[in-house]
C-alpha atoms as a PDB file:
ATOM      1  CA  MET A   1      74.568  69.116 124.759  1.00  0.00           C
ATOM      2  CA  GLY A   2      75.362  66.273 122.449  1.00  0.00           C
ATOM      3  CA  LYS A   3      78.170  63.320 122.032  1.00  0.00           C
ATOM      4  CA  VAL A   4      80.585  64.745 118.941  1.00  0.00           C
ATOM      5  CA  LYS A   5      80.194  61.757 116.380  1.00  0.00           C
ATOM      6  CA  ASP A   6      83.064  60.310 114.898  1.00  0.00           C
ATOM      7  CA  GLU A   7      82.402  61.285 110.864  1.00  0.00           C
ATOM      8  CA  LYS A   8      86.013  62.673 109.247  1.00  0.00           C
ATOM      9  CA  ALA A   9      85.441  66.613 108.714  1.00  0.00           C
ATOM     10  CA  VAL A  10      83.946  67.776 105.611  1.00  0.00           C
ATOM     11  CA  SER A  11      86.431  69.988 103.039  1.00  0.00           C
ATOM     12  CA  LYS A  12      85.280  72.892 101.061  1.00  0.00           C
ATOM     13  CA  PRO A  13      85.950  71.744  97.445  1.00  0.00           C
ATOM     14  CA  LYS A  14      89.417  73.548  95.961  1.00  0.00           C
ATOM     15  CA  PRO A  15      88.913  76.576  93.402  1.00  0.00           C
ATOM     16  CA  ARG A  16      89.232  74.216  89.784  1.00  0.00           C
ATOM     17  CA  ASP A  17      92.074  75.619  87.884  1.00  0.00           C
ATOM     18  CA  ASN A  18      92.049  76.943  83.956  1.00  0.00           C
ATOM     19  CA  ALA A  19      95.336  75.766  83.303  1.00  0.00           C
ATOM     20  CA  PRO A  20      96.183  72.872  81.236  1.00  0.00           C
ATOM     21  CA  GLY A  21      97.279  69.698  83.067  1.00  0.00           C
ATOM     22  CA  GLY A  22      95.202  70.671  86.285  1.00  0.00           C
ATOM     23  CA  ALA A  23      98.808  72.477  86.712  1.00  0.00           C
ATOM     24  CA  ARG A  24      98.256  75.675  88.668  1.00  0.00           C
ATOM     25  CA  LYS A  25      99.667  78.932  87.138  1.00  0.00           C
ATOM     26  CA  SER A  26     102.379  80.753  89.045  1.00  0.00           C
ATOM     27  CA  ALA A  27     101.911  84.809  89.973  1.00  0.00           C
ATOM     28  CA  LEU A  28     104.957  85.649  87.210  1.00  0.00           C
ATOM     29  CA  VAL A  29     102.739  83.767  84.034  1.00  0.00           C
ATOM     30  CA  GLN A  30      99.785  85.473  85.301  1.00  0.00           C
ATOM     31  CA  PHE A  31     101.343  89.179  85.022  1.00  0.00           C
ATOM     32  CA  VAL A  32     102.737  88.283  81.483  1.00  0.00           C
ATOM     33  CA  LEU A  33      99.131  87.056  80.502  1.00  0.00           C
ATOM     34  CA  ASN A  34      97.729  90.122  82.147  1.00  0.00           C
ATOM     35  CA  LEU A  35     100.843  91.936  79.438  1.00  0.00           C
ATOM     36  CA  THR A  36      98.938  91.399  76.883  1.00  0.00           C
ATOM     37  CA  ARG A  37      95.134  92.165  78.053  1.00  0.00           C
ATOM     38  CA  SER A  38      93.312  96.074  77.153  1.00  0.00           C
ATOM     39  CA  ASP A  39      90.854  95.887  80.203  1.00  0.00           C
ATOM     40  CA  LEU A  40      90.469  97.478  83.258  1.00  0.00           C
ATOM     41  CA  TYR A  41      89.974  95.918  86.101  1.00  0.00           C
ATOM     42  CA  LYS A  42      87.293  97.655  88.282  1.00  0.00           C
ATOM     43  CA  PRO A  43      88.244 100.720  86.365  1.00  0.00           C
ATOM     44  CA  MET A  44      86.583 103.029  89.048  1.00  0.00           C
ATOM     45  CA  GLN A  45      87.479 101.304  92.480  1.00  0.00           C
ATOM     46  CA  GLY A  46      90.728 103.061  94.460  1.00  0.00           C
ATOM     47  CA  TRP A  47      91.598 105.753  91.031  1.00  0.00           C
ATOM     48  CA  TYR A  48      93.405 108.056  93.443  1.00  0.00           C
ATOM     49  CA  ALA A  49      95.610 105.476  94.588  1.00  0.00           C
ATOM     50  CA  ARG A  50      96.614 103.426  91.102  1.00  0.00           C
ATOM     51  CA  LEU A  51      96.945 107.525  89.840  1.00  0.00           C
ATOM     52  CA  TYR A  52      99.675 108.391  92.000  1.00  0.00           C
ATOM     53  CA  THR A  53     101.175 104.505  92.337  1.00  0.00           C
ATOM     54  CA  ALA A  54     101.684 105.243  87.964  1.00  0.00           C
ATOM     55  CA  ILE A  55     102.802 108.489  88.509  1.00  0.00           C
ATOM     56  CA  ALA A  56     105.773 107.281  90.592  1.00  0.00           C
ATOM     57  CA  LEU A  57     106.402 104.513  88.979  1.00  0.00           C
ATOM     58  CA  GLY A  58     106.370 106.750  85.732  1.00  0.00           C
ATOM     59  CA  VAL A  59     109.187 109.218  87.237  1.00  0.00           C
ATOM     60  CA  ILE A  60     111.847 105.730  88.218  1.00  0.00           C
ATOM     61  CA  ALA A  61     111.023 104.561  84.426  1.00  0.00           C
ATOM     62  CA  ALA A  62     111.148 108.330  83.097  1.00  0.00           C
ATOM     63  CA  ALA A  63     114.973 108.449  84.706  1.00  0.00           C
ATOM     64  CA  GLY A  64     115.657 104.955  83.008  1.00  0.00           C
ATOM     65  CA  ALA A  65     114.186 106.427  79.653  1.00  0.00           C
ATOM     66  CA  GLN A  66     117.476 109.118  80.624  1.00  0.00           C
ATOM     67  CA  ARG A  67     119.117 106.907  81.333  1.00  0.00           C
ATOM     68  CA  VAL A  68     119.188 105.465  78.411  1.00  0.00           C
ATOM     69  CA  PHE A  69     119.171 108.296  75.929  1.00  0.00           C
ATOM     70  CA  GLU A  70     123.466 108.619  78.090  1.00  0.00           C
ATOM     71  CA  ILE A  71     124.208 105.575  76.588  1.00  0.00           C
ATOM     72  CA  VAL A  72     123.485 105.451  73.243  1.00  0.00           C
ATOM     73  CA  LYS A  73     123.804 108.873  73.063  1.00  0.00           C
ATOM     74  CA  GLU A  74     127.186 108.821  70.397  1.00  0.00           C
ATOM     75  CA  SER A  75     124.687 106.054  68.261  1.00  0.00           C
ATOM     76  CA  GLU A  76     122.787 107.757  64.924  1.00  0.00           C
ATOM     77  CA  ALA A  77     119.871 110.076  65.507  1.00  0.00           C
ATOM     78  CA  LEU A  78     117.387 107.457  65.058  1.00  0.00           C
ATOM     79  CA  VAL A  79     118.548 105.248  67.473  1.00  0.00           C
ATOM     80  CA  ARG A  80     119.696 107.778  70.279  1.00  0.00           C
ATOM     81  CA  TYR A  81     115.723 109.524  70.544  1.00  0.00           C
ATOM     82  CA  SER A  82     114.013 105.881  69.346  1.00  0.00           C
ATOM     83  CA  ALA A  83     116.020 103.622  72.488  1.00  0.00           C
ATOM     84  CA  PRO A  84     114.474 105.755  75.087  1.00  0.00           C
ATOM     85  CA  LEU A  85     111.446 106.624  73.328  1.00  0.00           C
ATOM     86  CA  ALA A  86     110.846 102.302  72.662  1.00  0.00           C
ATOM     87  CA  PHE A  87     112.101 102.147  76.411  1.00  0.00           C
ATOM     88  CA  ALA A  88     109.641 104.286  78.257  1.00  0.00           C
ATOM     89  CA  GLY A  89     106.783 102.908  75.810  1.00  0.00           C
ATOM     90  CA  VAL A  90     107.400  99.688  77.008  1.00  0.00           C
ATOM     91  CA  LEU A  91     107.792 100.641  80.757  1.00  0.00           C
ATOM     92  CA  ALA A  92     103.986 102.978  80.266  1.00  0.00           C
ATOM     93  CA  TRP A  93     102.824  99.922  78.996  1.00  0.00           C
ATOM     94  CA  ILE A  94     103.529  97.666  81.866  1.00  0.00           C
ATOM     95  CA  ILE A  95     102.967 100.078  85.287  1.00  0.00           C
ATOM     96  CA  PHE A  96      99.673 100.864  82.809  1.00  0.00           C
ATOM     97  CA  ARG A  97      98.812  97.429  83.273  1.00  0.00           C
ATOM     98  CA  LEU A  98     100.508  96.582  86.606  1.00  0.00           C
ATOM     99  CA  VAL A  99      98.302  98.868  88.330  1.00  0.00           C
ATOM    100  CA  HIS A 100      95.289  96.884  86.546  1.00  0.00           C
ATOM    101  CA  TYR A 101      96.605  93.348  87.684  1.00  0.00           C
ATOM    102  CA  PRO A 102      93.732  92.711  89.824  1.00  0.00           C
ATOM    103  CA  PRO A 103      96.342  90.551  93.229  1.00  0.00           C
ATOM    104  CA  PHE A 104      97.516  94.671  93.064  1.00  0.00           C
ATOM    105  CA  ALA A 105      94.680  96.666  91.796  1.00  0.00           C
ATOM    106  CA  GLU A 106      93.241  95.321  94.976  1.00  0.00           C
ATOM    107  CA  PHE A 107      95.837  96.377  96.806  1.00  0.00           C
ATOM    108  CA  LEU A 108      95.459  99.131  95.920  1.00  0.00           C
ATOM    109  CA  ILE A 109      91.768 100.370  96.128  1.00  0.00           C
ATOM    110  CA  ALA A 110      91.863  98.385 100.069  1.00  0.00           C
ATOM    111  CA  THR A 111      94.652 100.957 100.639  1.00  0.00           C
ATOM    112  CA  GLU A 112      93.088 103.446  99.376  1.00  0.00           C
ATOM    113  CA  ALA A 113      90.223 102.822 100.772  1.00  0.00           C
ATOM    114  CA  GLU A 114      91.740 102.488 104.247  1.00  0.00           C
ATOM    115  CA  MET A 115      93.108 106.056 103.725  1.00  0.00           C
ATOM    116  CA  ASN A 116      89.855 107.553 103.497  1.00  0.00           C
ATOM    117  CA  LYS A 117      88.560 105.891 107.179  1.00  0.00           C
ATOM    118  CA  VAL A 118      91.237 108.381 108.841  1.00  0.00           C
ATOM    119  CA  SER A 119      90.626 111.524 110.232  1.00  0.00           C
ATOM    120  CA  TRP A 120      93.352 113.617 109.188  1.00  0.00           C
ATOM    121  CA  THR A 121      94.046 117.264 111.634  1.00  0.00           C
ATOM    122  CA  SER A 122      93.178 120.255 110.278  1.00  0.00           C
ATOM    123  CA  LYS A 123      95.250 122.915 109.604  1.00  0.00           C
ATOM    124  CA  GLU A 124      95.436 124.790 112.369  1.00  0.00           C
ATOM    125  CA  ASP A 125      96.563 121.910 114.831  1.00  0.00           C
ATOM    126  CA  LEU A 126      98.875 120.473 112.663  1.00  0.00           C
ATOM    127  CA  ILE A 127     100.562 123.771 113.293  1.00  0.00           C
ATOM    128  CA  ARG A 128     100.400 124.050 116.809  1.00  0.00           C
ATOM    129  CA  ALA A 129     101.607 120.679 116.398  1.00  0.00           C
ATOM    130  CA  THR A 130     104.967 121.284 114.288  1.00  0.00           C
ATOM    131  CA  SER A 131     105.964 124.397 116.264  1.00  0.00           C
ATOM    132  CA  VAL A 132     105.428 122.401 119.921  1.00  0.00           C
ATOM    133  CA  VAL A 133     107.795 119.822 118.539  1.00  0.00           C
ATOM    134  CA  LEU A 134     110.364 122.184 116.598  1.00  0.00           C
ATOM    135  CA  SER A 135     109.724 125.030 119.668  1.00  0.00           C
ATOM    136  CA  THR A 136     111.346 121.755 121.864  1.00  0.00           C
ATOM    137  CA  VAL A 137     114.117 120.610 120.055  1.00  0.00           C
ATOM    138  CA  VAL A 138     115.045 124.105 119.881  1.00  0.00           C
ATOM    139  CA  LEU A 139     114.429 124.620 123.215  1.00  0.00           C
ATOM    140  CA  MET A 140     116.870 121.369 124.022  1.00  0.00           C
ATOM    141  CA  ALA A 141     119.782 122.012 122.259  1.00  0.00           C
ATOM    142  CA  PHE A 142     120.174 125.213 123.856  1.00  0.00           C
ATOM    143  CA  PHE A 143     119.543 123.366 127.405  1.00  0.00           C
ATOM    144  CA  LEU A 144     122.120 120.601 126.193  1.00  0.00           C
ATOM    145  CA  PHE A 145     124.792 123.053 125.271  1.00  0.00           C
ATOM    146  CA  PHE A 146     125.016 124.841 128.082  1.00  0.00           C
ATOM    147  CA  VAL A 147     124.894 121.433 129.867  1.00  0.00           C
ATOM    148  CA  ASP A 148     128.419 120.485 127.749  1.00  0.00           C
ATOM    149  CA  ARG A 149     129.588 123.358 128.088  1.00  0.00           C
ATOM    150  CA  LEU A 150     129.137 123.711 132.082  1.00  0.00           C
ATOM    151  CA  TRP A 151     130.494 119.668 132.146  1.00  0.00           C
ATOM    152  CA  THR A 152     133.507 120.071 130.371  1.00  0.00           C
ATOM    153  CA  PHE A 153     134.403 123.726 132.290  1.00  0.00           C
ATOM    154  CA  ILE A 154     134.255 122.178 135.245  1.00  0.00           C
ATOM    155  CA  LEU A 155     136.119 119.061 134.064  1.00  0.00           C
ATOM    156  CA  GLU A 156     138.745 120.963 132.588  1.00  0.00           C
ATOM    157  CA  ARG A 157     139.440 122.756 135.449  1.00  0.00           C
ATOM    158  CA  ILE A 158     139.640 120.320 137.689  1.00  0.00           C
ATOM    159  CA  GLY A 159     142.182 118.381 135.386  1.00  0.00           C
ATOM    160  CA  VAL A 160     140.189 115.486 133.976  1.00  0.00           C
ATOM    161  CA  LEU A 161     139.741 117.049 130.427  1.00  0.00           C
ATOM    162  CA  GLN A 162     142.931 118.496 128.990  1.00  0.00           C
ATOM    163  CA  PHE A 163     142.496 119.894 125.839  1.00  0.00           C
ATOM    164  CA  GLY A 164     145.667 121.488 123.753  1.00  0.00           C
ATOM    165  CA  GLY A 165     147.933 120.604 121.251  1.00  0.00           C
ATOM    166  CA  SER A 166     146.942 120.547 117.360  1.00  0.00           C
ATOM    167  CA  GLY A 167     146.116 116.673 118.064  1.00  0.00           C
ATOM    168  CA  GLY A 168     142.263 115.223 117.136  1.00  0.00           C
ATOM    169  CA  PHE A 169     139.459 115.985 120.161  1.00  0.00           C
ATOM    170  CA  GLY A 170     141.627 114.906 123.383  1.00  0.00           C
ATOM    171  CA  SER A 171     144.182 114.969 122.710  1.00  0.00           C
ATOM    172  CA  THR A 172     147.020 116.016 124.635  1.00  0.00           C
ATOM    173  CA  ALA A 173     149.915 115.703 122.299  1.00  0.00           C
END
Protein backbone atom coordinates (compact mmCIF):
# COMPACT_ATOMS: atom_id res chain seq x y z
CA MET A 1 0.00 0.00 0.00
CA GLY A 2 1.15 3.47 -0.82
CA LYS A 3 1.36 6.57 1.20
CA VAL A 4 -1.56 9.04 1.21
CA LYS A 5 -0.64 12.21 -0.59
CA ASP A 6 -1.34 15.56 0.97
CA GLU A 7 -3.47 16.74 -1.91
CA LYS A 8 -6.73 18.55 -1.70
CA ALA A 9 -9.76 16.41 -2.58
CA VAL A 10 -11.25 17.24 -5.92
CA SER A 11 -14.82 18.45 -5.55
CA LYS A 12 -17.48 17.87 -8.13
CA PRO A 13 -18.50 20.89 -10.14
CA LYS A 14 -21.80 22.39 -9.10
CA PRO A 15 -24.62 22.30 -11.65
CA ARG A 16 -25.16 25.61 -13.34
CA ASP A 17 -28.45 27.37 -12.97
CA ASN A 18 -30.04 29.32 -15.79
CA ALA A 19 -31.43 31.92 -13.42
CA PRO A 20 -30.25 35.50 -13.99
CA GLY A 21 -27.37 36.49 -11.77
CA GLY A 22 -26.65 32.87 -10.91
CA ALA A 23 -29.31 32.88 -8.20
CA ARG A 24 -31.04 29.56 -7.70
CA LYS A 25 -34.80 29.53 -8.39
CA SER A 26 -36.98 28.61 -5.45
CA ALA A 27 -39.32 25.65 -5.68
CA LEU A 28 -42.34 27.96 -5.61
CA VAL A 29 -41.05 29.98 -8.56
CA GLN A 30 -40.35 26.76 -10.47
CA PHE A 31 -43.88 25.52 -9.78
CA VAL A 32 -45.45 28.82 -10.86
CA LEU A 33 -43.41 28.70 -14.07
CA ASN A 34 -44.58 25.10 -14.54
CA LEU A 35 -48.20 26.35 -14.53
CA THR A 36 -47.59 28.21 -17.79
CA ARG A 37 -46.29 25.14 -19.64
CA SER A 38 -48.41 22.70 -21.58
CA ASP A 39 -46.00 19.82 -22.20
CA LEU A 40 -46.17 16.48 -20.41
CA TYR A 41 -43.34 15.24 -18.22
CA LYS A 42 -42.59 11.55 -18.92
CA PRO A 43 -46.19 10.94 -20.02
CA MET A 44 -46.18 7.14 -20.07
CA GLN A 45 -44.42 6.59 -16.74
CA GLY A 46 -46.36 6.43 -13.49
CA TRP A 47 -49.64 6.80 -15.37
CA TYR A 48 -51.87 5.08 -12.79
CA ALA A 49 -50.31 6.89 -9.84
CA ARG A 50 -50.79 10.22 -11.61
CA LEU A 51 -54.35 9.36 -12.64
CA TYR A 52 -55.49 8.33 -9.16
CA THR A 53 -53.71 11.28 -7.55
CA ALA A 54 -55.43 13.65 -9.99
CA ILE A 55 -58.82 12.02 -9.33
CA ALA A 56 -58.39 12.35 -5.56
CA LEU A 57 -57.34 15.99 -5.87
CA GLY A 58 -60.22 16.53 -8.31
CA VAL A 59 -62.71 15.30 -5.71
CA ILE A 60 -61.31 17.82 -3.24
CA ALA A 61 -61.49 20.55 -5.92
CA ALA A 62 -65.11 19.60 -6.69
CA ALA A 63 -65.96 19.96 -3.01
CA GLY A 64 -64.35 23.41 -3.10
CA ALA A 65 -66.34 24.36 -6.20
CA GLN A 66 -69.52 23.20 -4.44
CA ARG A 67 -68.63 25.43 -1.51
CA VAL A 68 -68.06 28.40 -3.85
CA PHE A 69 -71.47 27.70 -5.40
CA GLU A 70 -73.08 27.74 -1.95
CA ILE A 71 -71.41 31.05 -1.13
CA VAL A 72 -72.55 32.80 -4.34
CA LYS A 73 -75.94 31.10 -4.78
CA GLU A 74 -77.78 34.29 -3.87
CA SER A 75 -76.00 36.19 -6.65
CA GLU A 76 -77.26 36.70 -10.18
CA ALA A 77 -77.26 33.71 -12.52
CA LEU A 78 -74.06 34.64 -14.38
CA VAL A 79 -72.00 34.83 -11.18
CA ARG A 80 -73.79 31.88 -9.58
CA TYR A 81 -72.62 29.48 -12.29
CA SER A 82 -69.47 31.10 -13.68
CA ALA A 83 -67.65 31.56 -10.36
CA PRO A 84 -67.71 27.84 -9.41
CA LEU A 85 -66.86 26.83 -12.98
CA ALA A 86 -63.94 29.25 -13.11
CA PHE A 87 -62.78 28.04 -9.68
CA ALA A 88 -63.02 24.39 -10.78
CA GLY A 89 -61.27 25.15 -14.07
CA VAL A 90 -58.34 26.88 -12.40
CA LEU A 91 -57.99 24.05 -9.89
CA ALA A 92 -58.21 21.46 -12.68
CA TRP A 93 -55.34 23.15 -14.50
CA ILE A 94 -53.28 23.35 -11.28
CA ILE A 95 -53.91 19.65 -10.62
CA PHE A 96 -53.00 18.76 -14.21
CA ARG A 97 -49.76 20.70 -13.96
CA LEU A 98 -49.02 19.34 -10.49
CA VAL A 99 -49.00 15.73 -11.66
CA HIS A 100 -46.60 16.82 -14.45
CA TYR A 101 -44.36 18.92 -12.18
CA PRO A 102 -41.03 17.08 -12.48
CA PRO A 103 -40.20 16.55 -8.77
CA PHE A 104 -43.75 15.41 -7.95
CA ALA A 105 -44.04 13.33 -11.12
CA GLU A 106 -40.75 11.59 -10.27
CA PHE A 107 -42.17 10.77 -6.83
CA LEU A 108 -45.34 9.33 -8.37
CA ILE A 109 -43.33 7.33 -10.92
CA ALA A 110 -41.15 5.88 -8.15
CA THR A 111 -44.24 5.13 -6.05
CA GLU A 112 -45.89 3.21 -8.86
CA ALA A 113 -42.66 1.32 -9.55
CA GLU A 114 -42.46 0.26 -5.89
CA MET A 115 -46.12 -0.75 -5.82
CA ASN A 116 -45.50 -2.98 -8.83
CA LYS A 117 -42.83 -4.81 -6.82
CA VAL A 118 -45.24 -5.73 -4.03
CA SER A 119 -46.40 -9.33 -3.98
CA TRP A 120 -50.11 -9.09 -3.31
CA THR A 121 -52.00 -11.92 -1.66
CA SER A 122 -54.63 -13.83 -3.54
CA LYS A 123 -58.32 -13.21 -2.89
CA GLU A 124 -58.71 -16.60 -1.18
CA ASP A 125 -55.77 -15.94 1.17
CA LEU A 126 -57.13 -12.50 1.99
CA ILE A 127 -60.58 -13.89 2.82
CA ARG A 128 -59.06 -16.67 4.93
CA ALA A 129 -56.81 -14.29 6.90
CA THR A 130 -59.63 -11.77 7.41
CA SER A 131 -61.98 -14.45 8.73
CA VAL A 132 -59.31 -15.65 11.18
CA VAL A 133 -58.76 -12.12 12.47
CA LEU A 134 -62.48 -11.34 12.80
CA SER A 135 -63.30 -14.64 14.53
CA THR A 136 -60.39 -14.12 16.95
CA VAL A 137 -61.62 -10.61 17.78
CA VAL A 138 -65.19 -11.85 18.38
CA LEU A 139 -63.98 -14.74 20.58
CA MET A 140 -61.75 -12.41 22.60
CA ALA A 141 -64.63 -9.96 23.04
CA PHE A 142 -66.90 -12.71 24.39
CA PHE A 143 -64.14 -14.05 26.63
CA LEU A 144 -63.40 -10.61 28.09
CA PHE A 145 -67.12 -9.93 28.54
CA PHE A 146 -67.60 -13.13 30.57
CA VAL A 147 -64.42 -12.57 32.60
CA ASP A 148 -65.59 -9.03 33.38
CA ARG A 149 -69.03 -10.31 34.46
CA LEU A 150 -67.43 -13.01 36.61
CA TRP A 151 -65.15 -10.57 38.42
CA THR A 152 -67.98 -8.06 38.83
CA PHE A 153 -70.14 -10.79 40.40
CA ILE A 154 -67.35 -11.95 42.74
CA LEU A 155 -66.38 -8.42 43.82
CA GLU A 156 -70.02 -7.45 44.44
CA ARG A 157 -70.53 -10.55 46.65
CA ILE A 158 -67.54 -9.82 48.86
CA GLY A 159 -68.50 -6.15 49.17
CA VAL A 160 -65.67 -4.52 47.22
CA LEU A 161 -67.98 -3.17 44.52
CA GLN A 162 -71.26 -1.60 45.50
CA PHE A 163 -73.73 -0.67 42.82
CA GLY A 164 -77.04 0.95 43.46
CA GLY A 165 -78.62 4.30 43.40
CA SER A 166 -79.13 6.49 40.39
CA GLY A 167 -75.65 7.99 40.19
CA GLY A 168 -72.86 7.23 37.78
CA PHE A 169 -70.93 3.97 37.51
CA GLY A 170 -69.73 2.86 40.92
CA SER A 171 -71.77 5.49 42.74
CA THR A 172 -73.16 4.66 46.17
CA ALA A 173 -75.52 7.64 46.28
